[in-house]
Amino acid sequence: MFTRVVEIETTAGKGRDLRSTMNEKVLPILKKQPGFVDEIMLVGSTDPDRILTLTFWQTEADAERYNREHFLAVSEILKPLYERAPNVTTYNVDTSTTHKIAATIAA
């Protein structure tokens, strides 16, 4: 499994709007993508305008396809709500109790 972590700092006071837009407009797009597994949104406990989204994908290729084919359009939907372009980092998922994943450890 593979994950994309997107860090967004919204325009002051727009955190709630961004979260609503993510749930109403972006999540439906994600759910239609091949290999999409789940999305988790984290909101800063002391700064509700700082948001992290984690999207989980079956494979790195699935995440890359989404990035190539849809991320620009998703960014345009959210653009009025953030200060600067989102920061995207990617990771291989090593362990997840929710998705029952454990890394294979070489002996």
PDB file of N, CA and C in Angstrom:
ATOM      1  N   MET A   1       0.848  -1.169   0.000  1.00  0.00           N
ATOM      2  CA  MET A   1       0.000   0.000   0.000  1.00  0.00           C
ATOM      3  C   MET A   1       0.897   1.237   0.000  1.00  0.00           C
ATOM      4  N   PHE A   2       0.355   2.309  -0.506  1.00  0.00           N
ATOM      5  CA  PHE A   2       1.105   3.543  -0.718  1.00  0.00           C
ATOM      6  C   PHE A   2       0.254   4.713  -0.230  1.00  0.00           C
ATOM      7  N   THR A   3       0.898   5.763   0.261  1.00  0.00           N
ATOM      8  CA  THR A   3       0.129   6.928   0.702  1.00  0.00           C
ATOM      9  C   THR A   3       0.719   8.226   0.178  1.00  0.00           C
ATOM     10  N   ARG A   4      -0.168   9.166  -0.078  1.00  0.00           N
ATOM     11  CA  ARG A   4       0.205  10.542  -0.426  1.00  0.00           C
ATOM     12  C   ARG A   4      -0.209  11.402   0.755  1.00  0.00           C
ATOM     13  N   VAL A   5       0.707  12.219   1.244  1.00  0.00           N
ATOM     14  CA  VAL A   5       0.418  13.137   2.333  1.00  0.00           C
ATOM     15  C   VAL A   5       0.445  14.541   1.735  1.00  0.00           C
ATOM     16  N   VAL A   6      -0.669  15.239   1.862  1.00  0.00           N
ATOM     17  CA  VAL A   6      -0.788  16.584   1.303  1.00  0.00           C
ATOM     18  C   VAL A   6      -0.976  17.549   2.472  1.00  0.00           C
ATOM     19  N   GLU A   7      -0.037  18.475   2.587  1.00  0.00           N
ATOM     20  CA  GLU A   7      -0.091  19.488   3.647  1.00  0.00           C
ATOM     21  C   GLU A   7      -0.600  20.787   3.038  1.00  0.00           C
ATOM     22  N   ILE A   8      -1.653  21.331   3.653  1.00  0.00           N
ATOM     23  CA  ILE A   8      -2.276  22.548   3.149  1.00  0.00           C
ATOM     24  C   ILE A   8      -2.386  23.554   4.279  1.00  0.00           C
ATOM     25  N   GLU A   9      -1.954  24.776   4.014  1.00  0.00           N
ATOM     26  CA  GLU A   9      -2.194  25.882   4.928  1.00  0.00           C
ATOM     27  C   GLU A   9      -3.204  26.787   4.248  1.00  0.00           C
ATOM     28  N   THR A  10      -4.391  26.858   4.828  1.00  0.00           N
ATOM     29  CA  THR A  10      -5.449  27.615   4.185  1.00  0.00           C
ATOM     30  C   THR A  10      -5.275  29.111   4.414  1.00  0.00           C
ATOM     31  N   THR A  11      -5.971  29.878   3.613  1.00  0.00           N
ATOM     32  CA  THR A  11      -6.091  31.308   3.852  1.00  0.00           C
ATOM     33  C   THR A  11      -6.726  31.460   5.234  1.00  0.00           C
ATOM     34  N   ALA A  12      -6.325  32.460   5.994  1.00  0.00           N
ATOM     35  CA  ALA A  12      -6.823  32.647   7.361  1.00  0.00           C
ATOM     36  C   ALA A  12      -8.341  32.514   7.437  1.00  0.00           C
ATOM     37  N   GLY A  13      -8.774  31.635   8.315  1.00  0.00           N
ATOM     38  CA  GLY A  13     -10.204  31.439   8.536  1.00  0.00           C
ATOM     39  C   GLY A  13     -10.909  30.562   7.529  1.00  0.00           C
ATOM     40  N   LYS A  14     -10.181  29.967   6.582  1.00  0.00           N
ATOM     41  CA  LYS A  14     -10.818  29.166   5.524  1.00  0.00           C
ATOM     42  C   LYS A  14     -10.704  27.654   5.747  1.00  0.00           C
ATOM     43  N   GLY A  15     -10.189  27.252   6.907  1.00  0.00           N
ATOM     44  CA  GLY A  15     -10.031  25.821   7.181  1.00  0.00           C
ATOM     45  C   GLY A  15     -11.332  25.046   7.074  1.00  0.00           C
ATOM     46  N   ARG A  16     -12.373  25.572   7.674  1.00  0.00           N
ATOM     47  CA  ARG A  16     -13.674  24.891   7.635  1.00  0.00           C
ATOM     48  C   ARG A  16     -14.185  24.786   6.193  1.00  0.00           C
ATOM     49  N   ASP A  17     -14.013  25.850   5.415  1.00  0.00           N
ATOM     50  CA  ASP A  17     -14.444  25.824   4.011  1.00  0.00           C
ATOM     51  C   ASP A  17     -13.670  24.779   3.221  1.00  0.00           C
ATOM     52  N   LEU A  18     -12.370  24.704   3.472  1.00  0.00           N
ATOM     53  CA  LEU A  18     -11.560  23.720   2.754  1.00  0.00           C
ATOM     54  C   LEU A  18     -12.001  22.307   3.121  1.00  0.00           C
ATOM     55  N   ARG A  19     -12.238  22.071   4.397  1.00  0.00           N
ATOM     56  CA  ARG A  19     -12.679  20.731   4.815  1.00  0.00           C
ATOM     57  C   ARG A  19     -14.002  20.366   4.165  1.00  0.00           C
ATOM     58  N   SER A  20     -14.936  21.305   4.113  1.00  0.00           N
ATOM     59  CA  SER A  20     -16.228  21.045   3.467  1.00  0.00           C
ATOM     60  C   SER A  20     -16.046  20.748   1.986  1.00  0.00           C
ATOM     61  N   THR A  21     -15.209  21.529   1.327  1.00  0.00           N
ATOM     62  CA  THR A  21     -14.968  21.325  -0.105  1.00  0.00           C
ATOM     63  C   THR A  21     -14.308  19.972  -0.344  1.00  0.00           C
ATOM     64  N   MET A  22     -13.374  19.601   0.525  1.00  0.00           N
ATOM     65  CA  MET A  22     -12.737  18.279   0.401  1.00  0.00           C
ATOM     66  C   MET A  22     -13.799  17.181   0.474  1.00  0.00           C
ATOM     67  N   ASN A  23     -14.672  17.270   1.458  1.00  0.00           N
ATOM     68  CA  ASN A  23     -15.680  16.226   1.650  1.00  0.00           C
ATOM     69  C   ASN A  23     -16.731  16.210   0.545  1.00  0.00           C
ATOM     70  N   GLU A  24     -17.124  17.382   0.069  1.00  0.00           N
ATOM     71  CA  GLU A  24     -18.214  17.457  -0.904  1.00  0.00           C
ATOM     72  C   GLU A  24     -17.767  17.313  -2.356  1.00  0.00           C
ATOM     73  N   LYS A  25     -16.551  17.795  -2.677  1.00  0.00           N
ATOM     74  CA  LYS A  25     -16.127  17.801  -4.075  1.00  0.00           C
ATOM     75  C   LYS A  25     -14.933  16.907  -4.371  1.00  0.00           C
ATOM     76  N   VAL A  26     -13.986  16.849  -3.461  1.00  0.00           N
ATOM     77  CA  VAL A  26     -12.757  16.097  -3.734  1.00  0.00           C
ATOM     78  C   VAL A  26     -12.918  14.617  -3.416  1.00  0.00           C
ATOM     79  N   LEU A  27     -13.501  14.294  -2.281  1.00  0.00           N
ATOM     80  CA  LEU A  27     -13.649  12.888  -1.909  1.00  0.00           C
ATOM     81  C   LEU A  27     -14.418  12.080  -2.963  1.00  0.00           C
ATOM     82  N   PRO A  28     -15.493  12.611  -3.557  1.00  0.00           N
ATOM     83  CA  PRO A  28     -16.150  11.850  -4.627  1.00  0.00           C
ATOM     84  C   PRO A  28     -15.220  11.549  -5.813  1.00  0.00           C
ATOM     85  N   ILE A  29     -14.321  12.479  -6.132  1.00  0.00           N
ATOM     86  CA  ILE A  29     -13.349  12.238  -7.208  1.00  0.00           C
ATOM     87  C   ILE A  29     -12.399  11.119  -6.799  1.00  0.00           C
ATOM     88  N   LEU A  30     -11.892  11.202  -5.569  1.00  0.00           N
ATOM     89  CA  LEU A  30     -10.964  10.171  -5.082  1.00  0.00           C
ATOM     90  C   LEU A  30     -11.595   8.787  -5.109  1.00  0.00           C
ATOM     91  N   LYS A  31     -12.826   8.700  -4.647  1.00  0.00           N
ATOM     92  CA  LYS A  31     -13.504   7.396  -4.563  1.00  0.00           C
ATOM     93  C   LYS A  31     -13.664   6.718  -5.911  1.00  0.00           C
ATOM     94  N   LYS A  32     -13.646   7.480  -6.991  1.00  0.00           N
ATOM     95  CA  LYS A  32     -13.792   6.920  -8.334  1.00  0.00           C
ATOM     96  C   LYS A  32     -12.464   6.435  -8.921  1.00  0.00           C
ATOM     97  N   GLN A  33     -11.350   6.727  -8.256  1.00  0.00           N
ATOM     98  CA  GLN A  33     -10.038   6.408  -8.817  1.00  0.00           C
ATOM     99  C   GLN A  33      -9.655   4.952  -8.587  1.00  0.00           C
ATOM    100  N   PRO A  34      -9.119   4.296  -9.616  1.00  0.00           N
ATOM    101  CA  PRO A  34      -8.653   2.924  -9.445  1.00  0.00           C
ATOM    102  C   PRO A  34      -7.558   2.874  -8.374  1.00  0.00           C
ATOM    103  N   GLY A  35      -7.682   1.940  -7.463  1.00  0.00           N
ATOM    104  CA  GLY A  35      -6.668   1.732  -6.441  1.00  0.00           C
ATOM    105  C   GLY A  35      -6.832   2.595  -5.204  1.00  0.00           C
ATOM    106  N   PHE A  36      -7.805   3.512  -5.203  1.00  0.00           N
ATOM    107  CA  PHE A  36      -8.020   4.334  -4.008  1.00  0.00           C
ATOM    108  C   PHE A  36      -8.559   3.460  -2.890  1.00  0.00           C
ATOM    109  N   VAL A  37      -7.994   3.620  -1.685  1.00  0.00           N
ATOM    110  CA  VAL A  37      -8.398   2.816  -0.534  1.00  0.00           C
ATOM    111  C   VAL A  37      -9.110   3.655   0.519  1.00  0.00           C
ATOM    112  N   ASP A  38      -8.519   4.781   0.905  1.00  0.00           N
ATOM    113  CA  ASP A  38      -9.058   5.544   2.028  1.00  0.00           C
ATOM    114  C   ASP A  38      -8.448   6.940   2.039  1.00  0.00           C
ATOM    115  N   GLU A  39      -9.098   7.836   2.768  1.00  0.00           N
ATOM    116  CA  GLU A  39      -8.574   9.176   2.979  1.00  0.00           C
ATOM    117  C   GLU A  39      -8.772   9.524   4.441  1.00  0.00           C
ATOM    118  N   ILE A  40      -7.753  10.127   5.036  1.00  0.00           N
ATOM    119  CA  ILE A  40      -7.833  10.626   6.406  1.00  0.00           C
ATOM    120  C   ILE A  40      -7.460  12.095   6.361  1.00  0.00           C
ATOM    121  N   MET A  41      -8.263  12.926   7.008  1.00  0.00           N
ATOM    122  CA  MET A  41      -7.959  14.351   7.070  1.00  0.00           C
ATOM    123  C   MET A  41      -7.649  14.703   8.522  1.00  0.00           C
ATOM    124  N   LEU A  42      -6.517  15.364   8.717  1.00  0.00           N
ATOM    125  CA  LEU A  42      -6.104  15.805  10.043  1.00  0.00           C
ATOM    126  C   LEU A  42      -6.131  17.324  10.077  1.00  0.00           C
ATOM    127  N   VAL A  43      -6.681  17.881  11.160  1.00  0.00           N
ATOM    128  CA  VAL A  43      -6.788  19.327  11.321  1.00  0.00           C
ATOM    129  C   VAL A  43      -5.958  19.721  12.534  1.00  0.00           C
ATOM    130  N   GLY A  44      -5.133  20.738  12.372  1.00  0.00           N
ATOM    131  CA  GLY A  44      -4.288  21.186  13.470  1.00  0.00           C
ATOM    132  C   GLY A  44      -5.090  21.490  14.723  1.00  0.00           C
ATOM    133  N   SER A  45      -4.661  20.959  15.864  1.00  0.00           N
ATOM    134  CA  SER A  45      -5.408  21.177  17.109  1.00  0.00           C
ATOM    135  C   SER A  45      -5.291  22.616  17.601  1.00  0.00           C
ATOM    136  N   THR A  46      -4.202  23.285  17.285  1.00  0.00           N
ATOM    137  CA  THR A  46      -4.051  24.688  17.689  1.00  0.00           C
ATOM    138  C   THR A  46      -4.182  25.636  16.496  1.00  0.00           C
ATOM    139  N   ASP A  47      -4.194  25.089  15.303  1.00  0.00           N
ATOM    140  CA  ASP A  47      -4.306  25.909  14.091  1.00  0.00           C
ATOM    141  C   ASP A  47      -5.228  25.203  13.106  1.00  0.00           C
ATOM    142  N   PRO A  48      -6.537  25.490  13.166  1.00  0.00           N
ATOM    143  CA  PRO A  48      -7.485  24.790  12.294  1.00  0.00           C
ATOM    144  C   PRO A  48      -7.344  25.143  10.811  1.00  0.00           C
ATOM    145  N   ASP A  49      -6.440  26.070  10.483  1.00  0.00           N
ATOM    146  CA  ASP A  49      -6.182  26.396   9.083  1.00  0.00           C
ATOM    147  C   ASP A  49      -5.013  25.582   8.530  1.00  0.00           C
ATOM    148  N   ARG A  50      -4.468  24.688   9.319  1.00  0.00           N
ATOM    149  CA  ARG A  50      -3.396  23.787   8.881  1.00  0.00           C
ATOM    150  C   ARG A  50      -3.987  22.383   8.794  1.00  0.00           C
ATOM    151  N   ILE A  51      -3.959  21.829   7.594  1.00  0.00           N
ATOM    152  CA  ILE A  51      -4.633  20.557   7.323  1.00  0.00           C
ATOM    153  C   ILE A  51      -3.684  19.597   6.619  1.00  0.00           C
ATOM    154  N   LEU A  52      -3.726  18.344   7.049  1.00  0.00           N
ATOM    155  CA  LEU A  52      -3.004  17.271   6.373  1.00  0.00           C
ATOM    156  C   LEU A  52      -4.031  16.272   5.876  1.00  0.00           C
ATOM    157  N   THR A  53      -3.881  15.853   4.639  1.00  0.00           N
ATOM    158  CA  THR A  53      -4.709  14.756   4.154  1.00  0.00           C
ATOM    159  C   THR A  53      -3.793  13.602   3.787  1.00  0.00           C
ATOM    160  N   LEU A  54      -4.203  12.435   4.162  1.00  0.00           N
ATOM    161  CA  LEU A  54      -3.486  11.220   3.812  1.00  0.00           C
ATOM    162  C   LEU A  54      -4.411  10.402   2.935  1.00  0.00           C
ATOM    163  N   THR A  55      -3.977  10.112   1.718  1.00  0.00           N
ATOM    164  CA  THR A  55      -4.766   9.226   0.865  1.00  0.00           C
ATOM    165  C   THR A  55      -3.984   7.936   0.713  1.00  0.00           C
ATOM    166  N   PHE A  56      -4.703   6.842   0.794  1.00  0.00           N
ATOM    167  CA  PHE A  56      -4.103   5.518   0.715  1.00  0.00           C
ATOM    168  C   PHE A  56      -4.497   4.864  -0.601  1.00  0.00           C
ATOM    169  N   TRP A  57      -3.507   4.229  -1.229  1.00  0.00           N
ATOM    170  CA  TRP A  57      -3.661   3.638  -2.556  1.00  0.00           C
ATOM    171  C   TRP A  57      -3.137   2.210  -2.537  1.00  0.00           C
ATOM    172  N   GLN A  58      -3.726   1.370  -3.363  1.00  0.00           N
ATOM    173  CA  GLN A  58      -3.259  -0.013  -3.449  1.00  0.00           C
ATOM    174  C   GLN A  58      -1.793  -0.067  -3.870  1.00  0.00           C
ATOM    175  N   THR A  59      -1.438   0.741  -4.863  1.00  0.00           N
ATOM    176  CA  THR A  59      -0.062   0.710  -5.372  1.00  0.00           C
ATOM    177  C   THR A  59       0.447   2.131  -5.610  1.00  0.00           C
ATOM    178  N   GLU A  60       1.738   2.255  -5.721  1.00  0.00           N
ATOM    179  CA  GLU A  60       2.348   3.535  -6.059  1.00  0.00           C
ATOM    180  C   GLU A  60       1.883   3.990  -7.444  1.00  0.00           C
ATOM    181  N   ALA A  61       1.731   3.040  -8.360  1.00  0.00           N
ATOM    182  CA  ALA A  61       1.272   3.374  -9.711  1.00  0.00           C
ATOM    183  C   ALA A  61      -0.129   3.990  -9.681  1.00  0.00           C
ATOM    184  N   ASP A  62      -1.011   3.489  -8.805  1.00  0.00           N
ATOM    185  CA  ASP A  62      -2.356   4.066  -8.680  1.00  0.00           C
ATOM    186  C   ASP A  62      -2.271   5.520  -8.209  1.00  0.00           C
ATOM    187  N   ALA A  63      -1.434   5.780  -7.210  1.00  0.00           N
ATOM    188  CA  ALA A  63      -1.271   7.134  -6.686  1.00  0.00           C
ATOM    189  C   ALA A  63      -0.666   8.056  -7.740  1.00  0.00           C
ATOM    190  N   GLU A  64       0.293   7.552  -8.484  1.00  0.00           N
ATOM    191  CA  GLU A  64       0.917   8.361  -9.536  1.00  0.00           C
ATOM    192  C   GLU A  64      -0.069   8.676 -10.653  1.00  0.00           C
ATOM    193  N   ARG A  65      -0.927   7.725 -10.996  1.00  0.00           N
ATOM    194  CA  ARG A  65      -1.947   7.960 -12.018  1.00  0.00           C
ATOM    195  C   ARG A  65      -2.887   9.072 -11.563  1.00  0.00           C
ATOM    196  N   TYR A  66      -3.344   8.996 -10.308  1.00  0.00           N
ATOM    197  CA  TYR A  66      -4.195  10.060  -9.765  1.00  0.00           C
ATOM    198  C   TYR A  66      -3.464  11.407  -9.827  1.00  0.00           C
ATOM    199  N   ASN A  67      -2.196  11.418  -9.431  1.00  0.00           N
ATOM    200  CA  ASN A  67      -1.419  12.655  -9.430  1.00  0.00           C
ATOM    201  C   ASN A  67      -1.339  13.255 -10.836  1.00  0.00           C
ATOM    202  N   ARG A  68      -1.078  12.418 -11.830  1.00  0.00           N
ATOM    203  CA  ARG A  68      -0.964  12.869 -13.222  1.00  0.00           C
ATOM    204  C   ARG A  68      -2.296  13.330 -13.802  1.00  0.00           C
ATOM    205  N   GLU A  69      -3.344  12.579 -13.529  1.00  0.00           N
ATOM    206  CA  GLU A  69      -4.607  12.791 -14.228  1.00  0.00           C
ATOM    207  C   GLU A  69      -5.613  13.681 -13.498  1.00  0.00           C
ATOM    208  N   HIS A  70      -5.498  13.806 -12.168  1.00  0.00           N
ATOM    209  CA  HIS A  70      -6.551  14.509 -11.435  1.00  0.00           C
ATOM    210  C   HIS A  70      -6.086  15.533 -10.408  1.00  0.00           C
ATOM    211  N   PHE A  71      -4.842  15.439  -9.948  1.00  0.00           N
ATOM    212  CA  PHE A  71      -4.427  16.322  -8.849  1.00  0.00           C
ATOM    213  C   PHE A  71      -4.468  17.795  -9.240  1.00  0.00           C
ATOM    214  N   LEU A  72      -4.113  18.121 -10.462  1.00  0.00           N
ATOM    215  CA  LEU A  72      -4.158  19.520 -10.896  1.00  0.00           C
ATOM    216  C   LEU A  72      -5.582  20.065 -10.820  1.00  0.00           C
ATOM    217  N   ALA A  73      -6.549  19.288 -11.272  1.00  0.00           N
ATOM    218  CA  ALA A  73      -7.948  19.725 -11.217  1.00  0.00           C
ATOM    219  C   ALA A  73      -8.419  19.870  -9.775  1.00  0.00           C
ATOM    220  N   VAL A  74      -8.029  18.948  -8.919  1.00  0.00           N
ATOM    221  CA  VAL A  74      -8.386  19.030  -7.499  1.00  0.00           C
ATOM    222  C   VAL A  74      -7.750  20.270  -6.876  1.00  0.00           C
ATOM    223  N   SER A  75      -6.498  20.539  -7.208  1.00  0.00           N
ATOM    224  CA  SER A  75      -5.820  21.729  -6.689  1.00  0.00           C
ATOM    225  C   SER A  75      -6.537  23.000  -7.110  1.00  0.00           C
ATOM    226  N   GLU A  76      -7.047  23.021  -8.340  1.00  0.00           N
ATOM    227  CA  GLU A  76      -7.780  24.193  -8.826  1.00  0.00           C
ATOM    228  C   GLU A  76      -9.081  24.392  -8.049  1.00  0.00           C
ATOM    229  N   ILE A  77      -9.739  23.307  -7.679  1.00  0.00           N
ATOM    230  CA  ILE A  77     -10.967  23.398  -6.876  1.00  0.00           C
ATOM    231  C   ILE A  77     -10.658  24.052  -5.529  1.00  0.00           C
ATOM    232  N   LEU A  78      -9.523  23.683  -4.943  1.00  0.00           N
ATOM    233  CA  LEU A  78      -9.157  24.160  -3.606  1.00  0.00           C
ATOM    234  C   LEU A  78      -8.393  25.482  -3.603  1.00  0.00           C
ATOM    235  N   LYS A  79      -7.869  25.875  -4.745  1.00  0.00           N
ATOM    236  CA  LYS A  79      -6.971  27.030  -4.842  1.00  0.00           C
ATOM    237  C   LYS A  79      -7.486  28.303  -4.156  1.00  0.00           C
ATOM    238  N   PRO A  80      -8.764  28.646  -4.266  1.00  0.00           N
ATOM    239  CA  PRO A  80      -9.228  29.872  -3.596  1.00  0.00           C
ATOM    240  C   PRO A  80      -9.142  29.804  -2.065  1.00  0.00           C
ATOM    241  N   LEU A  81      -8.880  28.617  -1.523  1.00  0.00           N
ATOM    242  CA  LEU A  81      -8.927  28.429  -0.075  1.00  0.00           C
ATOM    243  C   LEU A  81      -7.563  28.305   0.588  1.00  0.00           C
ATOM    244  N   TYR A  82      -6.484  28.242  -0.183  1.00  0.00           N
ATOM    245  CA  TYR A  82      -5.181  28.093   0.463  1.00  0.00           C
ATOM    246  C   TYR A  82      -4.218  29.207   0.101  1.00  0.00           C
ATOM    247  N   GLU A  83      -3.226  29.373   0.977  1.00  0.00           N
ATOM    248  CA  GLU A  83      -2.224  30.435   0.842  1.00  0.00           C
ATOM    249  C   GLU A  83      -1.218  30.148  -0.262  1.00  0.00           C
ATOM    250  N   ARG A  84      -0.692  28.935  -0.285  1.00  0.00           N
ATOM    251  CA  ARG A  84       0.312  28.539  -1.271  1.00  0.00           C
ATOM    252  C   ARG A  84       0.043  27.097  -1.694  1.00  0.00           C
ATOM    253  N   ALA A  85       0.680  26.701  -2.755  1.00  0.00           N
ATOM    254  CA  ALA A  85       0.456  25.354  -3.294  1.00  0.00           C
ATOM    255  C   ALA A  85       0.670  24.301  -2.204  1.00  0.00           C
ATOM    256  N   PRO A  86      -0.167  23.272  -2.186  1.00  0.00           N
ATOM    257  CA  PRO A  86      -0.008  22.205  -1.199  1.00  0.00           C
ATOM    258  C   PRO A  86       1.356  21.526  -1.341  1.00  0.00           C
ATOM    259  N   ASN A  87       1.869  21.062  -0.217  1.00  0.00           N
ATOM    260  CA  ASN A  87       3.103  20.296  -0.199  1.00  0.00           C
ATOM    261  C   ASN A  87       2.736  18.812  -0.200  1.00  0.00           C
ATOM    262  N   VAL A  88       3.227  18.077  -1.183  1.00  0.00           N
ATOM    263  CA  VAL A  88       2.891  16.664  -1.314  1.00  0.00           C
ATOM    264  C   VAL A  88       4.133  15.817  -1.073  1.00  0.00           C
ATOM    265  N   THR A  89       4.006  14.830  -0.197  1.00  0.00           N
ATOM    266  CA  THR A  89       5.058  13.836   0.006  1.00  0.00           C
ATOM    267  C   THR A  89       4.420  12.460  -0.104  1.00  0.00           C
ATOM    268  N   THR A  90       5.224  11.483  -0.446  1.00  0.00           N
ATOM    269  CA  THR A  90       4.691  10.131  -0.628  1.00  0.00           C
ATOM    270  C   THR A  90       5.471   9.143   0.228  1.00  0.00           C
ATOM    271  N   TYR A  91       4.788   8.069   0.597  1.00  0.00           N
ATOM    272  CA  TYR A  91       5.363   7.056   1.476  1.00  0.00           C
ATOM    273  C   TYR A  91       4.822   5.677   1.114  1.00  0.00           C
ATOM    274  N   ASN A  92       5.632   4.672   1.344  1.00  0.00           N
ATOM    275  CA  ASN A  92       5.141   3.308   1.356  1.00  0.00           C
ATOM    276  C   ASN A  92       4.555   3.069   2.736  1.00  0.00           C
ATOM    277  N   VAL A  93       3.406   2.427   2.813  1.00  0.00           N
ATOM    278  CA  VAL A  93       2.804   2.127   4.111  1.00  0.00           C
ATOM    279  C   VAL A  93       3.503   0.901   4.664  1.00  0.00           C
ATOM    280  N   ASP A  94       4.063   1.048   5.847  1.00  0.00           N
ATOM    281  CA  ASP A  94       4.798  -0.035   6.489  1.00  0.00           C
ATOM    282  C   ASP A  94       3.869  -0.877   7.351  1.00  0.00           C
ATOM    283  N   THR A  95       3.023  -0.215   8.131  1.00  0.00           N
ATOM    284  CA  THR A  95       2.134  -0.911   9.052  1.00  0.00           C
ATOM    285  C   THR A  95       0.824  -0.148   9.165  1.00  0.00           C
ATOM    286  N   SER A  96      -0.272  -0.865   9.204  1.00  0.00           N
ATOM    287  CA  SER A  96      -1.574  -0.257   9.444  1.00  0.00           C
ATOM    288  C   SER A  96      -2.462  -1.279  10.118  1.00  0.00           C
ATOM    289  N   THR A  97      -2.965  -0.950  11.301  1.00  0.00           N
ATOM    290  CA  THR A  97      -3.899  -1.867  11.953  1.00  0.00           C
ATOM    291  C   THR A  97      -5.267  -1.786  11.292  1.00  0.00           C
ATOM    292  N   THR A  98      -5.633  -0.615  10.805  1.00  0.00           N
ATOM    293  CA  THR A  98      -6.928  -0.446  10.143  1.00  0.00           C
ATOM    294  C   THR A  98      -7.005  -1.274   8.869  1.00  0.00           C
ATOM    295  N   HIS A  99      -5.941  -1.229   8.073  1.00  0.00           N
ATOM    296  CA  HIS A  99      -5.936  -1.940   6.804  1.00  0.00           C
ATOM    297  C   HIS A  99      -5.249  -3.289   6.889  1.00  0.00           C
ATOM    298  N   LYS A 100      -4.897  -3.686   8.112  1.00  0.00           N
ATOM    299  CA  LYS A 100      -4.280  -4.984   8.383  1.00  0.00           C
ATOM    300  C   LYS A 100      -3.049  -5.213   7.511  1.00  0.00           C
ATOM    301  N   ILE A 101      -2.149  -4.238   7.563  1.00  0.00           N
ATOM    302  CA  ILE A 101      -0.911  -4.298   6.797  1.00  0.00           C
ATOM    303  C   ILE A 101       0.248  -4.407   7.762  1.00  0.00           C
ATOM    304  N   ALA A 102       1.180  -5.259   7.449  1.00  0.00           N
ATOM    305  CA  ALA A 102       2.436  -5.312   8.200  1.00  0.00           C
ATOM    306  C   ALA A 102       3.552  -5.479   7.189  1.00  0.00           C
ATOM    307  N   ALA A 103       4.612  -4.765   7.398  1.00  0.00           N
ATOM    308  CA  ALA A 103       5.755  -4.838   6.477  1.00  0.00           C
ATOM    309  C   ALA A 103       6.359  -6.234   6.550  1.00  0.00           C
ATOM    310  N   THR A 104       6.790  -6.711   5.400  1.00  0.00           N
ATOM    311  CA  THR A 104       7.484  -7.976   5.358  1.00  0.00           C
ATOM    312  C   THR A 104       8.928  -7.706   5.759  1.00  0.00           C
ATOM    313  N   ILE A 105       9.364  -8.395   6.799  1.00  0.00           N
ATOM    314  CA  ILE A 105      10.716  -8.181   7.315  1.00  0.00           C
ATOM    315  C   ILE A 105      11.614  -9.287   6.767  1.00  0.00           C
ATOM    316  N   ALA A 106      12.657  -8.864   6.062  1.00  0.00           N
ATOM    317  CA  ALA A 106      13.622  -9.832   5.518  1.00  0.00           C
ATOM    318  C   ALA A 106      14.466 -10.382   6.665  1.00  0.00           C
ATOM    319  N   ALA A 107      14.690 -11.664   6.618  1.00  0.00           N
ATOM    320  CA  ALA A 107      15.501 -12.306   7.664  1.00  0.00           C
ATOM    321  C   ALA A 107      16.970 -12.105   7.430  1.00  0.00           C
TER     322      ALA A 107
END
